[in-house]
Amino acid sequence: MRYSLQVQYIGKNYAGSQIQFENGKEIETPTIQGELEKAIRTLIIGGKAENNNRRFKTVFSGRTDRGVNSKGQVIHFDTDKPIVASKFIYHLNEILPNDISVSDLKEVDNKFHAQKSAVKRFYSYEFIHRKYKNAFDGDLLRVKFDIDLRRMQKALNYLLGEHDFSSFKSSGTLNPSRVCFIEKAEIQKIGDKVQIDIVGNRFLYNMVRTIVGTLLEIEGHNLPAEHMLEVLEAKDRRKAGATVSPYGLTLMKVDYLYEVES
């Protein structure tokens, strides 16, 4: 039987969502996947010492980097034991660390794949726009210089549609494909918090954070919005802005081609 599960987490204390390997050996560093698989294994296989080295594999909709948060990460896993959703969710949340939670467990068709079946991913990036710091800013990036939201929105509009996003890709991207389709890219400001929402079929490594960095470069140097188009068409990472802090980035939601069956 295959189950899908929604996962929420604060990424600050983890080295990303995925278990990491070096020379074929798992690196002992805290990850969302590691904590999740350990908790699921405890509930399904049991917490006995002899089970500690038995991997319980989960598949994520996509990788998130160190410090990135999630409100709607989706995973799937297989088991031959039937699961009662309400009980499983309750006990799993009791086992997991306080900065990871799960919800919305569903049995799905065996053809469902958390990553390959996904058709749309929703990301949101937040930063503070204020000259002086506030004790409650947390880890969010703070921008001190003036910004023009209309110019920023115009720059974001150049990203809409299907493009080669090589300029916004960090070198760690393993997938050779550089083409993504961006359906939505919008900016808004509420009080002194700026939110950038980007929806696409897929994203390259550090792509959203580099887009935000390029926006801030445009604003910080008073460049025209068309600079974003020049960067996009260059297909050259050196033309884009810096990759900004991960702490304001959140995976909000993942959409699938069909509704999963309960």
Protein backbone atom coordinates (compact mmCIF):
# COMPACT_ATOMS: atom_id res chain seq x y z
CA MET A 1 0.00 0.00 0.00
CA ARG A 2 1.18 3.51 -0.78
CA TYR A 3 0.41 6.56 1.37
CA SER A 4 0.93 10.27 0.85
CA LEU A 5 1.59 12.60 3.74
CA GLN A 6 1.83 16.37 4.02
CA VAL A 7 4.76 17.65 6.05
CA GLN A 8 5.39 21.03 7.67
CA TYR A 9 8.76 22.07 9.05
CA ILE A 10 11.01 24.93 10.07
CA GLY A 11 14.28 24.30 8.29
CA LYS A 12 16.64 26.32 10.48
CA ASN A 13 17.98 23.35 12.46
CA TYR A 14 18.38 20.95 9.52
CA ALA A 15 20.86 20.44 6.70
CA GLY A 16 18.01 20.43 4.18
CA SER A 17 15.11 18.09 3.57
CA GLN A 18 17.01 15.12 2.13
CA ILE A 19 19.30 12.58 3.73
CA GLN A 20 22.81 13.23 2.43
CA PHE A 21 25.41 10.74 1.28
CA GLU A 22 29.14 10.87 0.66
CA ASN A 23 30.92 8.03 -1.16
CA GLY A 24 27.77 5.96 -0.82
CA LYS A 25 27.63 6.38 2.97
CA GLU A 26 24.99 8.38 4.81
CA ILE A 27 26.31 11.56 6.41
CA GLU A 28 25.31 11.90 10.05
CA THR A 29 23.66 15.31 9.94
CA PRO A 30 20.08 16.23 10.91
CA THR A 31 17.64 16.29 7.98
CA ILE A 32 13.87 16.40 7.67
CA GLN A 33 13.85 13.06 5.84
CA GLY A 34 16.03 11.45 8.48
CA GLU A 35 13.75 12.52 11.34
CA LEU A 36 10.63 11.57 9.40
CA GLU A 37 11.86 8.13 8.38
CA LYS A 38 13.01 7.39 11.93
CA ALA A 39 9.58 8.30 13.31
CA ILE A 40 7.64 6.33 10.66
CA ARG A 41 9.92 3.33 11.17
CA THR A 42 9.23 3.44 14.91
CA LEU A 43 5.46 3.33 14.34
CA ILE A 44 5.38 0.72 11.56
CA ILE A 45 8.39 -1.52 12.21
CA GLY A 46 8.91 -0.86 15.91
CA GLY A 47 11.44 0.95 18.03
CA LYS A 48 13.56 -2.04 19.05
CA ALA A 49 17.34 -1.71 18.84
CA GLU A 50 17.59 -4.33 16.08
CA ASN A 51 15.42 -2.11 13.84
CA ASN A 52 17.57 1.00 14.21
CA ASN A 53 19.53 0.42 11.03
CA ARG A 54 16.54 -0.51 8.89
CA ARG A 55 15.82 2.37 6.51
CA PHE A 56 12.17 3.21 5.95
CA LYS A 57 12.25 5.00 2.61
CA THR A 58 10.24 8.15 1.92
CA VAL A 59 10.05 10.05 -1.38
CA PHE A 60 9.71 13.86 -1.26
CA SER A 61 8.01 16.09 -3.83
CA GLY A 62 11.28 17.97 -4.07
CA ARG A 63 14.42 18.93 -2.20
CA THR A 64 14.54 21.99 0.03
CA ASP A 65 17.86 23.44 1.18
CA ARG A 66 19.26 24.10 4.62
CA GLY A 67 17.11 26.70 6.37
CA VAL A 68 14.14 26.52 3.97
CA ASN A 69 10.70 25.97 5.52
CA SER A 70 7.63 24.05 4.37
CA LYS A 71 3.91 24.32 4.95
CA GLY A 72 2.96 21.87 2.22
CA GLN A 73 5.75 19.40 1.46
CA VAL A 74 4.35 16.08 0.16
CA ILE A 75 5.98 12.68 0.60
CA HIS A 76 4.97 9.12 -0.17
CA PHE A 77 5.98 5.82 1.36
CA ASP A 78 5.03 2.16 0.96
CA THR A 79 4.06 -0.34 3.63
CA ASP A 80 2.25 -3.68 3.77
CA LYS A 81 0.51 -2.64 7.00
CA PRO A 82 -2.83 -0.78 6.83
CA ILE A 83 -2.79 2.61 8.54
CA VAL A 84 -5.55 4.44 10.41
CA ALA A 85 -4.92 8.05 9.41
CA SER A 86 -6.04 9.87 12.58
CA LYS A 87 -4.09 7.58 14.90
CA PHE A 88 -0.99 7.55 12.74
CA ILE A 89 -0.87 11.33 12.39
CA TYR A 90 -1.34 11.82 16.14
CA HIS A 91 1.38 9.40 17.18
CA LEU A 92 3.78 10.55 14.46
CA ASN A 93 3.48 14.15 15.63
CA GLU A 94 4.16 13.04 19.21
CA ILE A 95 7.41 11.38 18.12
CA LEU A 96 8.69 14.06 15.73
CA PRO A 97 10.73 17.08 16.93
CA ASN A 98 8.74 20.23 17.66
CA ASP A 99 9.84 21.91 14.44
CA ILE A 100 8.42 19.13 12.21
CA SER A 101 4.75 18.14 11.93
CA VAL A 102 2.62 16.02 9.60
CA SER A 103 -0.98 16.12 8.39
CA ASP A 104 -3.40 14.84 5.77
CA LEU A 105 -2.37 11.18 5.42
CA LYS A 106 -4.07 9.47 2.46
CA GLU A 107 -3.86 6.10 0.77
CA VAL A 108 -2.95 6.62 -2.89
CA ASP A 109 -2.64 4.58 -6.05
CA ASN A 110 0.69 2.78 -6.45
CA LYS A 111 1.29 4.88 -9.58
CA PHE A 112 1.31 8.05 -7.49
CA HIS A 113 4.81 9.49 -7.03
CA ALA A 114 5.34 12.48 -4.73
CA GLN A 115 7.97 13.97 -7.04
CA LYS A 116 7.16 12.73 -10.54
CA SER A 117 3.36 13.18 -10.26
CA ALA A 118 3.65 16.81 -9.13
CA VAL A 119 2.60 19.41 -11.71
CA LYS A 120 2.84 22.66 -9.76
CA ARG A 121 4.85 23.97 -6.82
CA PHE A 122 4.08 27.11 -4.82
CA TYR A 123 6.90 29.02 -3.09
CA SER A 124 6.82 32.17 -0.99
CA TYR A 125 9.77 34.35 0.02
CA GLU A 126 9.48 36.96 2.78
CA PHE A 127 11.84 39.70 3.86
CA ILE A 128 11.69 42.75 6.11
CA HIS A 129 11.83 46.22 4.58
CA ARG A 130 12.91 48.54 7.37
CA LYS A 131 16.01 50.55 8.22
CA TYR A 132 16.20 49.46 11.85
CA LYS A 133 16.09 45.95 13.23
CA ASN A 134 13.34 44.62 15.46
CA ALA A 135 13.77 41.90 18.05
CA PHE A 136 10.92 39.97 16.41
CA ASP A 137 12.38 39.93 12.89
CA GLY A 138 13.79 36.49 13.59
CA ASP A 139 16.04 35.21 10.81
CA LEU A 140 14.33 37.08 7.98
CA LEU A 141 16.49 39.11 5.63
CA ARG A 142 16.22 42.87 6.30
CA VAL A 143 16.47 45.30 3.38
CA LYS A 144 17.30 48.89 4.32
CA PHE A 145 17.29 50.71 0.96
CA ASP A 146 14.22 52.08 -0.83
CA ILE A 147 12.32 49.69 -3.09
CA ASP A 148 9.77 50.28 -5.85
CA LEU A 149 7.13 47.54 -5.81
CA ARG A 150 5.84 48.45 -9.27
CA ARG A 151 9.30 48.10 -10.76
CA MET A 152 9.83 44.82 -8.90
CA GLN A 153 6.54 43.46 -10.23
CA LYS A 154 7.45 44.51 -13.76
CA ALA A 155 10.76 42.68 -13.41
CA LEU A 156 9.00 39.55 -12.13
CA ASN A 157 6.62 39.62 -15.10
CA TYR A 158 9.55 38.87 -17.43
CA LEU A 159 9.87 35.46 -15.76
CA LEU A 160 6.35 34.32 -16.64
CA GLY A 161 6.00 31.48 -19.13
CA GLU A 162 8.49 28.83 -20.21
CA HIS A 163 12.16 29.81 -20.20
CA ASP A 164 15.67 28.49 -19.75
CA PHE A 165 16.50 29.60 -16.19
CA SER A 166 20.23 28.81 -16.31
CA SER A 167 21.04 32.31 -15.02
CA PHE A 168 19.25 31.53 -11.75
CA LYS A 169 20.69 28.05 -11.22
CA SER A 170 23.42 27.29 -8.70
CA SER A 171 26.15 24.86 -9.63
CA GLY A 172 24.74 22.12 -7.38
CA THR A 173 21.89 21.32 -9.79
CA LEU A 174 22.10 17.65 -10.76
CA ASN A 175 19.23 17.66 -13.25
CA PRO A 176 20.58 18.78 -16.66
CA SER A 177 17.24 20.33 -17.65
CA ARG A 178 17.17 24.11 -17.23
CA VAL A 179 13.68 24.84 -18.59
CA CYS A 180 10.86 25.74 -16.19
CA PHE A 181 7.37 27.14 -16.65
CA ILE A 182 6.47 29.97 -14.26
CA GLU A 183 2.73 30.50 -13.94
CA LYS A 184 2.74 33.22 -11.30
CA ALA A 185 5.26 35.69 -9.87
CA GLU A 186 3.78 38.39 -7.66
CA ILE A 187 4.99 40.76 -4.97
CA GLN A 188 3.09 42.49 -2.17
CA LYS A 189 3.94 44.46 0.94
CA ILE A 190 2.01 44.23 4.19
CA GLY A 191 3.34 46.63 6.80
CA ASP A 192 7.11 46.29 6.69
CA LYS A 193 7.06 42.70 5.40
CA VAL A 194 7.49 42.03 1.66
CA GLN A 195 6.20 38.74 0.22
CA ILE A 196 7.10 37.30 -3.19
CA ASP A 197 4.97 34.38 -4.41
CA ILE A 198 6.23 32.23 -7.27
CA VAL A 199 4.38 29.26 -8.78
CA GLY A 200 5.92 26.94 -11.36
CA ASN A 201 5.99 23.40 -12.63
CA ARG A 202 9.53 22.91 -11.32
CA PHE A 203 12.43 24.90 -9.86
CA LEU A 204 16.19 24.65 -10.19
CA TYR A 205 18.62 24.55 -7.28
CA ASN A 206 18.48 27.92 -5.43
CA MET A 207 16.37 29.38 -8.26
CA VAL A 208 13.84 31.29 -6.14
CA ARG A 209 16.51 32.73 -3.83
CA THR A 210 18.57 33.90 -6.82
CA ILE A 211 15.52 35.51 -8.43
CA VAL A 212 14.94 37.43 -5.19
CA GLY A 213 18.64 38.36 -5.08
CA THR A 214 18.39 39.72 -8.63
CA LEU A 215 15.30 41.75 -7.72
CA LEU A 216 17.17 43.28 -4.80
CA GLU A 217 20.17 44.02 -7.03
CA ILE A 218 17.84 45.90 -9.40
CA GLU A 219 16.44 47.92 -6.50
CA GLY A 220 19.73 48.46 -4.70
CA HIS A 221 21.41 49.84 -7.84
CA ASN A 222 18.30 51.56 -9.24
CA LEU A 223 18.42 49.47 -12.42
CA PRO A 224 15.51 49.27 -14.89
CA ALA A 225 13.11 46.35 -14.58
CA GLU A 226 14.33 45.17 -17.99
CA HIS A 227 17.56 44.08 -16.31
CA MET A 228 15.71 40.95 -15.21
CA LEU A 229 15.02 40.10 -18.86
CA GLU A 230 18.68 40.67 -19.74
CA VAL A 231 19.74 38.30 -16.97
CA LEU A 232 17.19 35.68 -18.04
CA GLU A 233 18.25 35.80 -21.70
CA ALA A 234 21.96 35.67 -20.84
CA LYS A 235 21.64 32.10 -19.46
CA ASP A 236 24.69 32.94 -17.35
CA ARG A 237 24.69 32.65 -13.53
CA ARG A 238 27.32 35.39 -13.31
CA LYS A 239 24.80 37.94 -14.62
CA ALA A 240 22.27 37.35 -11.82
CA GLY A 241 22.25 38.70 -8.29
CA ALA A 242 23.35 36.99 -5.10
CA THR A 243 21.59 33.95 -3.68
CA VAL A 244 19.78 35.42 -0.66
CA SER A 245 19.30 33.89 2.79
CA PRO A 246 17.17 30.70 2.86
CA TYR A 247 15.29 31.63 6.01
CA GLY A 248 12.51 33.58 4.31
CA LEU A 249 11.74 30.83 1.78
CA THR A 250 8.79 28.47 2.31
CA LEU A 251 7.39 25.68 0.14
CA MET A 252 3.69 26.47 0.50
CA LYS A 253 1.93 23.81 -1.55
CA VAL A 254 2.36 21.10 -4.19
CA ASP A 255 -0.37 20.35 -6.74
CA TYR A 256 -0.94 17.07 -8.53
CA LEU A 257 -2.60 16.10 -11.78
CA TYR A 258 -5.34 14.25 -9.96
CA GLU A 259 -6.77 14.18 -6.47
CA VAL A 260 -5.37 11.41 -4.32
CA GLU A 261 -7.92 8.90 -3.09
CA SER A 262 -8.53 8.61 0.66
